[in-house]
Amino acid sequence: MMDVGGGNIIEIFGAGPDVPEDHPHFEHIALKSVDVQDDYQ
């Protein structure tokens, strides 16, 4: 589990041997930014 800030968390699962490659991921996650251009770069 990773702290994104503000009490928000991303849980990251490693690809175990029984997980198909096409396992869905989330649509998108929006991270609050103070400098969009810097975060993008």
PDB file of all heavy atoms in Angstrom:
ATOM      1  N   MET A   1       0.872  -1.169   0.000  1.00  0.00           N
ATOM      2  CA  MET A   1       0.000   0.000   0.000  1.00  0.00           C
ATOM      3  C   MET A   1       0.908   1.219   0.000  1.00  0.00           C
ATOM      4  O   MET A   1       1.874   1.279   0.761  1.00  0.00           O
ATOM      5  CB  MET A   1      -0.917   0.016   1.214  1.00  0.00           C
ATOM      6  CG  MET A   1      -2.020  -0.980   1.150  1.00  0.00           C
ATOM      7  SD  MET A   1      -3.197  -0.733   2.501  1.00  0.00           S
ATOM      8  CE  MET A   1      -4.528  -1.772   1.926  1.00  0.00           C
ATOM      9  N   MET A   2       0.588   2.175  -0.871  1.00  0.00           N
ATOM     10  CA  MET A   2       1.384   3.395  -0.984  1.00  0.00           C
ATOM     11  C   MET A   2       0.535   4.603  -0.623  1.00  0.00           C
ATOM     12  O   MET A   2      -0.613   4.723  -1.055  1.00  0.00           O
ATOM     13  CB  MET A   2       1.948   3.552  -2.395  1.00  0.00           C
ATOM     14  CG  MET A   2       2.894   2.423  -2.760  1.00  0.00           C
ATOM     15  SD  MET A   2       3.853   2.763  -4.245  1.00  0.00           S
ATOM     16  CE  MET A   2       5.071   3.917  -3.596  1.00  0.00           C
ATOM     17  N   ASP A   3       1.119   5.506   0.172  1.00  0.00           N
ATOM     18  CA  ASP A   3       0.471   6.746   0.582  1.00  0.00           C
ATOM     19  C   ASP A   3       0.578   7.745  -0.561  1.00  0.00           C
ATOM     20  O   ASP A   3       1.671   8.103  -0.992  1.00  0.00           O
ATOM     21  CB  ASP A   3       1.173   7.282   1.826  1.00  0.00           C
ATOM     22  CG  ASP A   3       0.555   8.546   2.370  1.00  0.00           C
ATOM     23  OD1 ASP A   3      -0.440   9.035   1.814  1.00  0.00           O
ATOM     24  OD2 ASP A   3       1.090   9.059   3.373  1.00  0.00           O
ATOM     25  N   VAL A   4      -0.580   8.203  -1.044  1.00  0.00           N
ATOM     26  CA  VAL A   4      -0.625   9.188  -2.120  1.00  0.00           C
ATOM     27  C   VAL A   4      -0.677  10.599  -1.532  1.00  0.00           C
ATOM     28  O   VAL A   4      -0.438  11.575  -2.224  1.00  0.00           O
ATOM     29  CB  VAL A   4      -1.860   8.936  -3.022  1.00  0.00           C
ATOM     30  CG1 VAL A   4      -1.973   9.940  -4.139  1.00  0.00           C
ATOM     31  CG2 VAL A   4      -1.803   7.541  -3.595  1.00  0.00           C
ATOM     32  N   GLY A   5      -0.976  10.711  -0.240  1.00  0.00           N
ATOM     33  CA  GLY A   5      -1.139  12.004   0.417  1.00  0.00           C
ATOM     34  C   GLY A   5      -2.597  12.231   0.757  1.00  0.00           C
ATOM     35  O   GLY A   5      -3.494  11.654   0.136  1.00  0.00           O
ATOM     36  N   GLY A   6      -2.850  13.032   1.760  1.00  0.00           N
ATOM     37  CA  GLY A   6      -4.216  13.364   2.133  1.00  0.00           C
ATOM     38  C   GLY A   6      -5.034  12.190   2.619  1.00  0.00           C
ATOM     39  O   GLY A   6      -6.262  12.205   2.533  1.00  0.00           O
ATOM     40  N   GLY A   7      -4.376  11.128   3.093  1.00  0.00           N
ATOM     41  CA  GLY A   7      -5.081   9.951   3.570  1.00  0.00           C
ATOM     42  C   GLY A   7      -5.515   8.994   2.471  1.00  0.00           C
ATOM     43  O   GLY A   7      -6.248   8.054   2.726  1.00  0.00           O
ATOM     44  N   ASN A   8      -5.059   9.213   1.255  1.00  0.00           N
ATOM     45  CA  ASN A   8      -5.418   8.370   0.118  1.00  0.00           C
ATOM     46  C   ASN A   8      -4.335   7.332  -0.141  1.00  0.00           C
ATOM     47  O   ASN A   8      -3.148   7.608   0.026  1.00  0.00           O
ATOM     48  CB  ASN A   8      -5.653   9.230  -1.120  1.00  0.00           C
ATOM     49  CG  ASN A   8      -6.754  10.236  -0.889  1.00  0.00           C
ATOM     50  OD1 ASN A   8      -7.880   9.868  -0.615  1.00  0.00           O
ATOM     51  ND2 ASN A   8      -6.420  11.503  -0.965  1.00  0.00           N
ATOM     52  N   ILE A   9      -4.759   6.144  -0.591  1.00  0.00           N
ATOM     53  CA  ILE A   9      -3.845   5.012  -0.736  1.00  0.00           C
ATOM     54  C   ILE A   9      -4.051   4.336  -2.086  1.00  0.00           C
ATOM     55  O   ILE A   9      -5.183   4.197  -2.546  1.00  0.00           O
ATOM     56  CB  ILE A   9      -4.091   3.980   0.393  1.00  0.00           C
ATOM     57  CG1 ILE A   9      -3.765   4.594   1.759  1.00  0.00           C
ATOM     58  CG2 ILE A   9      -3.298   2.697   0.161  1.00  0.00           C
ATOM     59  CD1 ILE A   9      -4.208   3.740   2.936  1.00  0.00           C
ATOM     60  N   ILE A  10      -2.946   3.902  -2.700  1.00  0.00           N
ATOM     61  CA  ILE A  10      -2.993   2.985  -3.833  1.00  0.00           C
ATOM     62  C   ILE A  10      -2.463   1.657  -3.320  1.00  0.00           C
ATOM     63  O   ILE A  10      -1.361   1.596  -2.767  1.00  0.00           O
ATOM     64  CB  ILE A  10      -2.112   3.445  -5.013  1.00  0.00           C
ATOM     65  CG1 ILE A  10      -2.583   4.778  -5.573  1.00  0.00           C
ATOM     66  CG2 ILE A  10      -2.103   2.386  -6.114  1.00  0.00           C
ATOM     67  CD1 ILE A  10      -1.682   5.315  -6.665  1.00  0.00           C
ATOM     68  N   GLU A  11      -3.256   0.601  -3.476  1.00  0.00           N
ATOM     69  CA  GLU A  11      -2.803  -0.742  -3.136  1.00  0.00           C
ATOM     70  C   GLU A  11      -2.282  -1.378  -4.423  1.00  0.00           C
ATOM     71  O   GLU A  11      -2.983  -1.402  -5.435  1.00  0.00           O
ATOM     72  CB  GLU A  11      -3.956  -1.557  -2.562  1.00  0.00           C
ATOM     73  CG  GLU A  11      -3.551  -2.935  -2.103  1.00  0.00           C
ATOM     74  CD  GLU A  11      -4.704  -3.670  -1.444  1.00  0.00           C
ATOM     75  OE1 GLU A  11      -5.885  -3.360  -1.723  1.00  0.00           O
ATOM     76  OE2 GLU A  11      -4.415  -4.574  -0.647  1.00  0.00           O
ATOM     77  N   ILE A  12      -1.060  -1.861  -4.391  1.00  0.00           N
ATOM     78  CA  ILE A  12      -0.436  -2.412  -5.590  1.00  0.00           C
ATOM     79  C   ILE A  12      -0.199  -3.901  -5.386  1.00  0.00           C
ATOM     80  O   ILE A  12       0.444  -4.311  -4.421  1.00  0.00           O
ATOM     81  CB  ILE A  12       0.877  -1.687  -5.903  1.00  0.00           C
ATOM     82  CG1 ILE A  12       0.600  -0.195  -6.112  1.00  0.00           C
ATOM     83  CG2 ILE A  12       1.544  -2.296  -7.127  1.00  0.00           C
ATOM     84  CD1 ILE A  12       1.839   0.645  -6.283  1.00  0.00           C
ATOM     85  N   PHE A  13      -0.744  -4.697  -6.314  1.00  0.00           N
ATOM     86  CA  PHE A  13      -0.609  -6.146  -6.274  1.00  0.00           C
ATOM     87  C   PHE A  13       0.392  -6.586  -7.326  1.00  0.00           C
ATOM     88  O   PHE A  13       0.238  -6.260  -8.501  1.00  0.00           O
ATOM     89  CB  PHE A  13      -1.945  -6.843  -6.567  1.00  0.00           C
ATOM     90  CG  PHE A  13      -2.984  -6.652  -5.505  1.00  0.00           C
ATOM     91  CD1 PHE A  13      -3.980  -5.712  -5.655  1.00  0.00           C
ATOM     92  CD2 PHE A  13      -2.953  -7.435  -4.363  1.00  0.00           C
ATOM     93  CE1 PHE A  13      -4.938  -5.552  -4.675  1.00  0.00           C
ATOM     94  CE2 PHE A  13      -3.910  -7.286  -3.380  1.00  0.00           C
ATOM     95  CZ  PHE A  13      -4.905  -6.335  -3.525  1.00  0.00           C
ATOM     96  N   GLY A  14       1.413  -7.342  -6.907  1.00  0.00           N
ATOM     97  CA  GLY A  14       2.330  -7.929  -7.863  1.00  0.00           C
ATOM     98  C   GLY A  14       1.610  -9.004  -8.664  1.00  0.00           C
ATOM     99  O   GLY A  14       0.623  -9.576  -8.212  1.00  0.00           O
ATOM    100  N   ALA A  15       2.091  -9.252  -9.853  1.00  0.00           N
ATOM    101  CA  ALA A  15       1.448 -10.235 -10.739  1.00  0.00           C
ATOM    102  C   ALA A  15       1.835 -11.641 -10.318  1.00  0.00           C
ATOM    103  O   ALA A  15       2.914 -12.107 -10.626  1.00  0.00           O
ATOM    104  CB  ALA A  15       1.840  -9.975 -12.190  1.00  0.00           C
ATOM    105  N   GLY A  16       0.952 -12.298  -9.607  1.00  0.00           N
ATOM    106  CA  GLY A  16       1.196 -13.672  -9.205  1.00  0.00           C
ATOM    107  C   GLY A  16       1.025 -14.632 -10.368  1.00  0.00           C
ATOM    108  O   GLY A  16       0.554 -14.250 -11.436  1.00  0.00           O
ATOM    109  N   PRO A  17       1.387 -15.897 -10.189  1.00  0.00           N
ATOM    110  CA  PRO A  17       1.368 -16.862 -11.288  1.00  0.00           C
ATOM    111  C   PRO A  17      -0.027 -17.196 -11.804  1.00  0.00           C
ATOM    112  O   PRO A  17      -0.174 -17.649 -12.931  1.00  0.00           O
ATOM    113  CB  PRO A  17       2.029 -18.101 -10.680  1.00  0.00           C
ATOM    114  CG  PRO A  17       1.815 -17.953  -9.210  1.00  0.00           C
ATOM    115  CD  PRO A  17       1.841 -16.472  -8.936  1.00  0.00           C
ATOM    116  N   ASP A  18      -1.075 -16.952 -11.022  1.00  0.00           N
ATOM    117  CA  ASP A  18      -2.428 -17.315 -11.443  1.00  0.00           C
ATOM    118  C   ASP A  18      -3.227 -16.134 -11.996  1.00  0.00           C
ATOM    119  O   ASP A  18      -4.428 -16.234 -12.194  1.00  0.00           O
ATOM    120  CB  ASP A  18      -3.191 -17.924 -10.268  1.00  0.00           C
ATOM    121  CG  ASP A  18      -2.521 -19.188  -9.758  1.00  0.00           C
ATOM    122  OD1 ASP A  18      -1.958 -19.932 -10.593  1.00  0.00           O
ATOM    123  OD2 ASP A  18      -2.540 -19.419  -8.544  1.00  0.00           O
ATOM    124  N   VAL A  19      -2.584 -15.011 -12.250  1.00  0.00           N
ATOM    125  CA  VAL A  19      -3.281 -13.820 -12.719  1.00  0.00           C
ATOM    126  C   VAL A  19      -3.120 -13.688 -14.228  1.00  0.00           C
ATOM    127  O   VAL A  19      -2.001 -13.626 -14.726  1.00  0.00           O
ATOM    128  CB  VAL A  19      -2.714 -12.559 -12.024  1.00  0.00           C
ATOM    129  CG1 VAL A  19      -3.430 -11.322 -12.541  1.00  0.00           C
ATOM    130  CG2 VAL A  19      -2.869 -12.673 -10.518  1.00  0.00           C
ATOM    131  N   PRO A  20      -4.230 -13.663 -14.964  1.00  0.00           N
ATOM    132  CA  PRO A  20      -4.113 -13.508 -16.414  1.00  0.00           C
ATOM    133  C   PRO A  20      -3.591 -12.125 -16.783  1.00  0.00           C
ATOM    134  O   PRO A  20      -3.812 -11.150 -16.064  1.00  0.00           O
ATOM    135  CB  PRO A  20      -5.560 -13.690 -16.901  1.00  0.00           C
ATOM    136  CG  PRO A  20      -6.416 -13.400 -15.730  1.00  0.00           C
ATOM    137  CD  PRO A  20      -5.603 -13.749 -14.506  1.00  0.00           C
ATOM    138  N   GLU A  21      -2.882 -12.029 -17.903  1.00  0.00           N
ATOM    139  CA  GLU A  21      -2.313 -10.760 -18.363  1.00  0.00           C
ATOM    140  C   GLU A  21      -3.372  -9.696 -18.601  1.00  0.00           C
ATOM    141  O   GLU A  21      -3.111  -8.521 -18.469  1.00  0.00           O
ATOM    142  CB  GLU A  21      -1.515 -10.980 -19.655  1.00  0.00           C
ATOM    143  CG  GLU A  21      -0.137 -11.549 -19.418  1.00  0.00           C
ATOM    144  CD  GLU A  21       0.780 -10.593 -18.665  1.00  0.00           C
ATOM    145  OE1 GLU A  21       0.825  -9.397 -18.980  1.00  0.00           O
ATOM    146  OE2 GLU A  21       1.469 -11.061 -17.749  1.00  0.00           O
ATOM    147  N   ASP A  22      -4.581 -10.108 -18.980  1.00  0.00           N
ATOM    148  CA  ASP A  22      -5.607  -9.125 -19.285  1.00  0.00           C
ATOM    149  C   ASP A  22      -6.451  -8.736 -18.068  1.00  0.00           C
ATOM    150  O   ASP A  22      -7.508  -8.171 -18.199  1.00  0.00           O
ATOM    151  CB  ASP A  22      -6.511  -9.622 -20.412  1.00  0.00           C
ATOM    152  CG  ASP A  22      -7.290 -10.878 -20.031  1.00  0.00           C
ATOM    153  OD1 ASP A  22      -6.992 -11.488 -18.987  1.00  0.00           O
ATOM    154  OD2 ASP A  22      -8.190 -11.250 -20.800  1.00  0.00           O
ATOM    155  N   HIS A  23      -5.949  -9.042 -16.866  1.00  0.00           N
ATOM    156  CA  HIS A  23      -6.660  -8.649 -15.653  1.00  0.00           C
ATOM    157  C   HIS A  23      -6.896  -7.134 -15.693  1.00  0.00           C
ATOM    158  O   HIS A  23      -5.977  -6.382 -15.951  1.00  0.00           O
ATOM    159  CB  HIS A  23      -5.848  -9.040 -14.412  1.00  0.00           C
ATOM    160  CG  HIS A  23      -6.581  -8.804 -13.140  1.00  0.00           C
ATOM    161  ND1 HIS A  23      -7.548  -9.654 -12.673  1.00  0.00           N
ATOM    162  CD2 HIS A  23      -6.495  -7.804 -12.238  1.00  0.00           C
ATOM    163  CE1 HIS A  23      -8.024  -9.201 -11.524  1.00  0.00           C
ATOM    164  NE2 HIS A  23      -7.402  -8.080 -11.258  1.00  0.00           N
ATOM    165  N   PRO A  24      -8.122  -6.677 -15.455  1.00  0.00           N
ATOM    166  CA  PRO A  24      -8.394  -5.243 -15.590  1.00  0.00           C
ATOM    167  C   PRO A  24      -7.696  -4.410 -14.519  1.00  0.00           C
ATOM    168  O   PRO A  24      -7.481  -4.864 -13.404  1.00  0.00           O
ATOM    169  CB  PRO A  24      -9.917  -5.167 -15.426  1.00  0.00           C
ATOM    170  CG  PRO A  24     -10.286  -6.391 -14.672  1.00  0.00           C
ATOM    171  CD  PRO A  24      -9.286  -7.445 -15.043  1.00  0.00           C
ATOM    172  N   HIS A  25      -7.327  -3.188 -14.909  1.00  0.00           N
ATOM    173  CA  HIS A  25      -6.825  -2.221 -13.955  1.00  0.00           C
ATOM    174  C   HIS A  25      -7.866  -1.113 -13.833  1.00  0.00           C
ATOM    175  O   HIS A  25      -8.888  -1.165 -14.498  1.00  0.00           O
ATOM    176  CB  HIS A  25      -5.459  -1.676 -14.384  1.00  0.00           C
ATOM    177  CG  HIS A  25      -5.422  -1.142 -15.778  1.00  0.00           C
ATOM    178  ND1 HIS A  25      -5.129  -1.933 -16.868  1.00  0.00           N
ATOM    179  CD2 HIS A  25      -5.666   0.085 -16.259  1.00  0.00           C
ATOM    180  CE1 HIS A  25      -5.182  -1.201 -17.959  1.00  0.00           C
ATOM    181  NE2 HIS A  25      -5.509   0.025 -17.628  1.00  0.00           N
ATOM    182  N   PHE A  26      -7.663  -0.133 -12.981  1.00  0.00           N
ATOM    183  CA  PHE A  26      -8.669   0.915 -12.820  1.00  0.00           C
ATOM    184  C   PHE A  26      -8.746   1.793 -14.069  1.00  0.00           C
ATOM    185  O   PHE A  26      -7.809   1.858 -14.851  1.00  0.00           O
ATOM    186  CB  PHE A  26      -8.416   1.758 -11.573  1.00  0.00           C
ATOM    187  CG  PHE A  26      -7.015   2.276 -11.400  1.00  0.00           C
ATOM    188  CD1 PHE A  26      -6.549   3.370 -12.109  1.00  0.00           C
ATOM    189  CD2 PHE A  26      -6.160   1.669 -10.489  1.00  0.00           C
ATOM    190  CE1 PHE A  26      -5.267   3.859 -11.934  1.00  0.00           C
ATOM    191  CE2 PHE A  26      -4.871   2.153 -10.316  1.00  0.00           C
ATOM    192  CZ  PHE A  26      -4.426   3.238 -11.035  1.00  0.00           C
ATOM    193  N   GLU A  27      -9.884   2.472 -14.268  1.00  0.00           N
ATOM    194  CA  GLU A  27     -10.097   3.355 -15.425  1.00  0.00           C
ATOM    195  C   GLU A  27      -9.056   4.467 -15.446  1.00  0.00           C
ATOM    196  O   GLU A  27      -8.346   4.655 -16.398  1.00  0.00           O
ATOM    197  CB  GLU A  27     -11.502   3.948 -15.375  1.00  0.00           C
ATOM    198  CG  GLU A  27     -11.801   5.010 -16.420  1.00  0.00           C
ATOM    199  CD  GLU A  27     -11.723   4.495 -17.847  1.00  0.00           C
ATOM    200  OE1 GLU A  27     -11.987   3.310 -18.078  1.00  0.00           O
ATOM    201  OE2 GLU A  27     -11.406   5.295 -18.736  1.00  0.00           O
ATOM    202  N   HIS A  28      -9.003   5.255 -14.383  1.00  0.00           N
ATOM    203  CA  HIS A  28      -7.923   6.214 -14.180  1.00  0.00           C
ATOM    204  C   HIS A  28      -7.963   6.654 -12.730  1.00  0.00           C
ATOM    205  O   HIS A  28      -8.959   6.489 -12.048  1.00  0.00           O
ATOM    206  CB  HIS A  28      -7.992   7.413 -15.147  1.00  0.00           C
ATOM    207  CG  HIS A  28      -8.986   8.479 -14.794  1.00  0.00           C
ATOM    208  ND1 HIS A  28     -10.264   8.487 -15.299  1.00  0.00           N
ATOM    209  CD2 HIS A  28      -8.891   9.569 -13.994  1.00  0.00           C
ATOM    210  CE1 HIS A  28     -10.901   9.546 -14.835  1.00  0.00           C
ATOM    211  NE2 HIS A  28     -10.097  10.217 -14.036  1.00  0.00           N
ATOM    212  N   ILE A  29      -6.851   7.184 -12.290  1.00  0.00           N
ATOM    213  CA  ILE A  29      -6.772   7.756 -10.960  1.00  0.00           C
ATOM    214  C   ILE A  29      -6.334   9.196 -11.142  1.00  0.00           C
ATOM    215  O   ILE A  29      -5.445   9.489 -11.944  1.00  0.00           O
ATOM    216  CB  ILE A  29      -5.806   6.972 -10.039  1.00  0.00           C
ATOM    217  CG1 ILE A  29      -5.861   7.519  -8.630  1.00  0.00           C
ATOM    218  CG2 ILE A  29      -4.403   6.943 -10.593  1.00  0.00           C
ATOM    219  CD1 ILE A  29      -5.195   6.641  -7.602  1.00  0.00           C
ATOM    220  N   ALA A  30      -7.005  10.100 -10.453  1.00  0.00           N
ATOM    221  CA  ALA A  30      -6.674  11.521 -10.541  1.00  0.00           C
ATOM    222  C   ALA A  30      -5.908  11.917  -9.281  1.00  0.00           C
ATOM    223  O   ALA A  30      -6.417  11.784  -8.171  1.00  0.00           O
ATOM    224  CB  ALA A  30      -7.937  12.358 -10.688  1.00  0.00           C
ATOM    225  N   LEU A  31      -4.681  12.373  -9.470  1.00  0.00           N
ATOM    226  CA  LEU A  31      -3.855  12.829  -8.360  1.00  0.00           C
ATOM    227  C   LEU A  31      -3.915  14.352  -8.289  1.00  0.00           C
ATOM    228  O   LEU A  31      -3.720  15.027  -9.311  1.00  0.00           O
ATOM    229  CB  LEU A  31      -2.409  12.369  -8.551  1.00  0.00           C
ATOM    230  CG  LEU A  31      -2.184  10.864  -8.659  1.00  0.00           C
ATOM    231  CD1 LEU A  31      -0.709  10.563  -8.905  1.00  0.00           C
ATOM    232  CD2 LEU A  31      -2.667  10.157  -7.402  1.00  0.00           C
ATOM    233  N   LYS A  32      -4.201  14.887  -7.096  1.00  0.00           N
ATOM    234  CA  LYS A  32      -4.185  16.337  -6.923  1.00  0.00           C
ATOM    235  C   LYS A  32      -2.787  16.844  -7.224  1.00  0.00           C
ATOM    236  O   LYS A  32      -1.798  16.223  -6.835  1.00  0.00           O
ATOM    237  CB  LYS A  32      -4.576  16.718  -5.500  1.00  0.00           C
ATOM    238  CG  LYS A  32      -6.021  16.477  -5.166  1.00  0.00           C
ATOM    239  CD  LYS A  32      -6.313  16.889  -3.737  1.00  0.00           C
ATOM    240  CE  LYS A  32      -7.725  16.551  -3.345  1.00  0.00           C
ATOM    241  NZ  LYS A  32      -7.979  16.851  -1.925  1.00  0.00           N
ATOM    242  N   SER A  33      -2.711  17.970  -7.896  1.00  0.00           N
ATOM    243  CA  SER A  33      -1.419  18.498  -8.313  1.00  0.00           C
ATOM    244  C   SER A  33      -1.310  19.977  -7.978  1.00  0.00           C
ATOM    245  O   SER A  33      -2.300  20.706  -8.063  1.00  0.00           O
ATOM    246  CB  SER A  33      -1.262  18.310  -9.834  1.00  0.00           C
ATOM    247  OG  SER A  33      -0.045  18.830 -10.283  1.00  0.00           O
ATOM    248  N   VAL A  34      -0.120  20.415  -7.604  1.00  0.00           N
ATOM    249  CA  VAL A  34       0.145  21.844  -7.456  1.00  0.00           C
ATOM    250  C   VAL A  34       0.858  22.381  -8.695  1.00  0.00           C
ATOM    251  O   VAL A  34       0.881  23.578  -8.936  1.00  0.00           O
ATOM    252  CB  VAL A  34       0.955  22.174  -6.184  1.00  0.00           C
ATOM    253  CG1 VAL A  34       0.144  21.836  -4.934  1.00  0.00           C
ATOM    254  CG2 VAL A  34       2.276  21.467  -6.164  1.00  0.00           C
ATOM    255  N   ASP A  35       1.441  21.490  -9.501  1.00  0.00           N
ATOM    256  CA  ASP A  35       2.122  21.868 -10.741  1.00  0.00           C
ATOM    257  C   ASP A  35       1.935  20.750 -11.757  1.00  0.00           C
ATOM    258  O   ASP A  35       2.721  19.797 -11.799  1.00  0.00           O
ATOM    259  CB  ASP A  35       3.602  22.128 -10.475  1.00  0.00           C
ATOM    260  CG  ASP A  35       4.349  22.700 -11.668  1.00  0.00           C
ATOM    261  OD1 ASP A  35       3.935  22.442 -12.825  1.00  0.00           O
ATOM    262  OD2 ASP A  35       5.357  23.399 -11.453  1.00  0.00           O
ATOM    263  N   VAL A  36       0.905  20.862 -12.564  1.00  0.00           N
ATOM    264  CA  VAL A  36       0.537  19.811 -13.515  1.00  0.00           C
ATOM    265  C   VAL A  36       1.664  19.540 -14.501  1.00  0.00           C
ATOM    266  O   VAL A  36       2.006  18.388 -14.775  1.00  0.00           O
ATOM    267  CB  VAL A  36      -0.779  20.172 -14.243  1.00  0.00           C
ATOM    268  CG1 VAL A  36      -1.036  19.229 -15.409  1.00  0.00           C
ATOM    269  CG2 VAL A  36      -1.947  20.145 -13.260  1.00  0.00           C
ATOM    270  N   GLN A  37       2.262  20.613 -15.039  1.00  0.00           N
ATOM    271  CA  GLN A  37       3.341  20.447 -16.018  1.00  0.00           C
ATOM    272  C   GLN A  37       4.514  19.683 -15.410  1.00  0.00           C
ATOM    273  O   GLN A  37       5.069  18.771 -16.032  1.00  0.00           O
ATOM    274  CB  GLN A  37       3.808  21.808 -16.538  1.00  0.00           C
ATOM    275  CG  GLN A  37       4.887  21.747 -17.586  1.00  0.00           C
ATOM    276  CD  GLN A  37       4.413  21.160 -18.911  1.00  0.00           C
ATOM    277  OE1 GLN A  37       3.289  21.360 -19.337  1.00  0.00           O
ATOM    278  NE2 GLN A  37       5.280  20.415 -19.576  1.00  0.00           N
ATOM    279  N   ASP A  38       4.899  20.005 -14.178  1.00  0.00           N
ATOM    280  CA  ASP A  38       6.017  19.325 -13.517  1.00  0.00           C
ATOM    281  C   ASP A  38       5.689  17.854 -13.250  1.00  0.00           C
ATOM    282  O   ASP A  38       6.518  16.981 -13.505  1.00  0.00           O
ATOM    283  CB  ASP A  38       6.376  20.033 -12.210  1.00  0.00           C
ATOM    284  CG  ASP A  38       7.600  19.415 -11.553  1.00  0.00           C
ATOM    285  OD1 ASP A  38       8.678  19.424 -12.176  1.00  0.00           O
ATOM    286  OD2 ASP A  38       7.456  18.901 -10.422  1.00  0.00           O
ATOM    287  N   ASP A  39       4.492  17.577 -12.744  1.00  0.00           N
ATOM    288  CA  ASP A  39       4.092  16.185 -12.499  1.00  0.00           C
ATOM    289  C   ASP A  39       4.093  15.382 -13.798  1.00  0.00           C
ATOM    290  O   ASP A  39       4.551  14.243 -13.840  1.00  0.00           O
ATOM    291  CB  ASP A  39       2.707  16.116 -11.853  1.00  0.00           C
ATOM    292  CG  ASP A  39       2.713  16.540 -10.395  1.00  0.00           C
ATOM    293  OD1 ASP A  39       3.784  16.501  -9.748  1.00  0.00           O
ATOM    294  OD2 ASP A  39       1.637  16.905  -9.898  1.00  0.00           O
ATOM    295  N   TYR A  40       3.571  15.987 -14.858  1.00  0.00           N
ATOM    296  CA  TYR A  40       3.522  15.337 -16.176  1.00  0.00           C
ATOM    297  C   TYR A  40       4.938  15.008 -16.661  1.00  0.00           C
ATOM    298  O   TYR A  40       5.218  13.877 -17.058  1.00  0.00           O
ATOM    299  CB  TYR A  40       2.800  16.282 -17.134  1.00  0.00           C
ATOM    300  CG  TYR A  40       2.734  15.843 -18.567  1.00  0.00           C
ATOM    301  CD1 TYR A  40       1.810  14.899 -18.988  1.00  0.00           C
ATOM    302  CD2 TYR A  40       3.559  16.420 -19.520  1.00  0.00           C
ATOM    303  CE1 TYR A  40       1.718  14.521 -20.319  1.00  0.00           C
ATOM    304  CE2 TYR A  40       3.476  16.057 -20.853  1.00  0.00           C
ATOM    305  CZ  TYR A  40       2.558  15.103 -21.251  1.00  0.00           C
ATOM    306  OH  TYR A  40       2.483  14.740 -22.569  1.00  0.00           O
ATOM    307  N   GLN A  41       5.844  15.973 -16.596  1.00  0.00           N
ATOM    308  CA  GLN A  41       7.226  15.760 -17.044  1.00  0.00           C
ATOM    309  C   GLN A  41       7.945  14.729 -16.168  1.00  0.00           C
ATOM    310  O   GLN A  41       8.715  13.910 -16.675  1.00  0.00           O
ATOM    311  CB  GLN A  41       8.000  17.085 -17.070  1.00  0.00           C
ATOM    312  CG  GLN A  41       7.518  18.048 -18.133  1.00  0.00           C
ATOM    313  CD  GLN A  41       7.635  17.494 -19.544  1.00  0.00           C
ATOM    314  OE1 GLN A  41       8.533  16.736 -19.879  1.00  0.00           O
ATOM    315  NE2 GLN A  41       6.679  17.871 -20.392  1.00  0.00           N
TER     316      GLN A  41
END
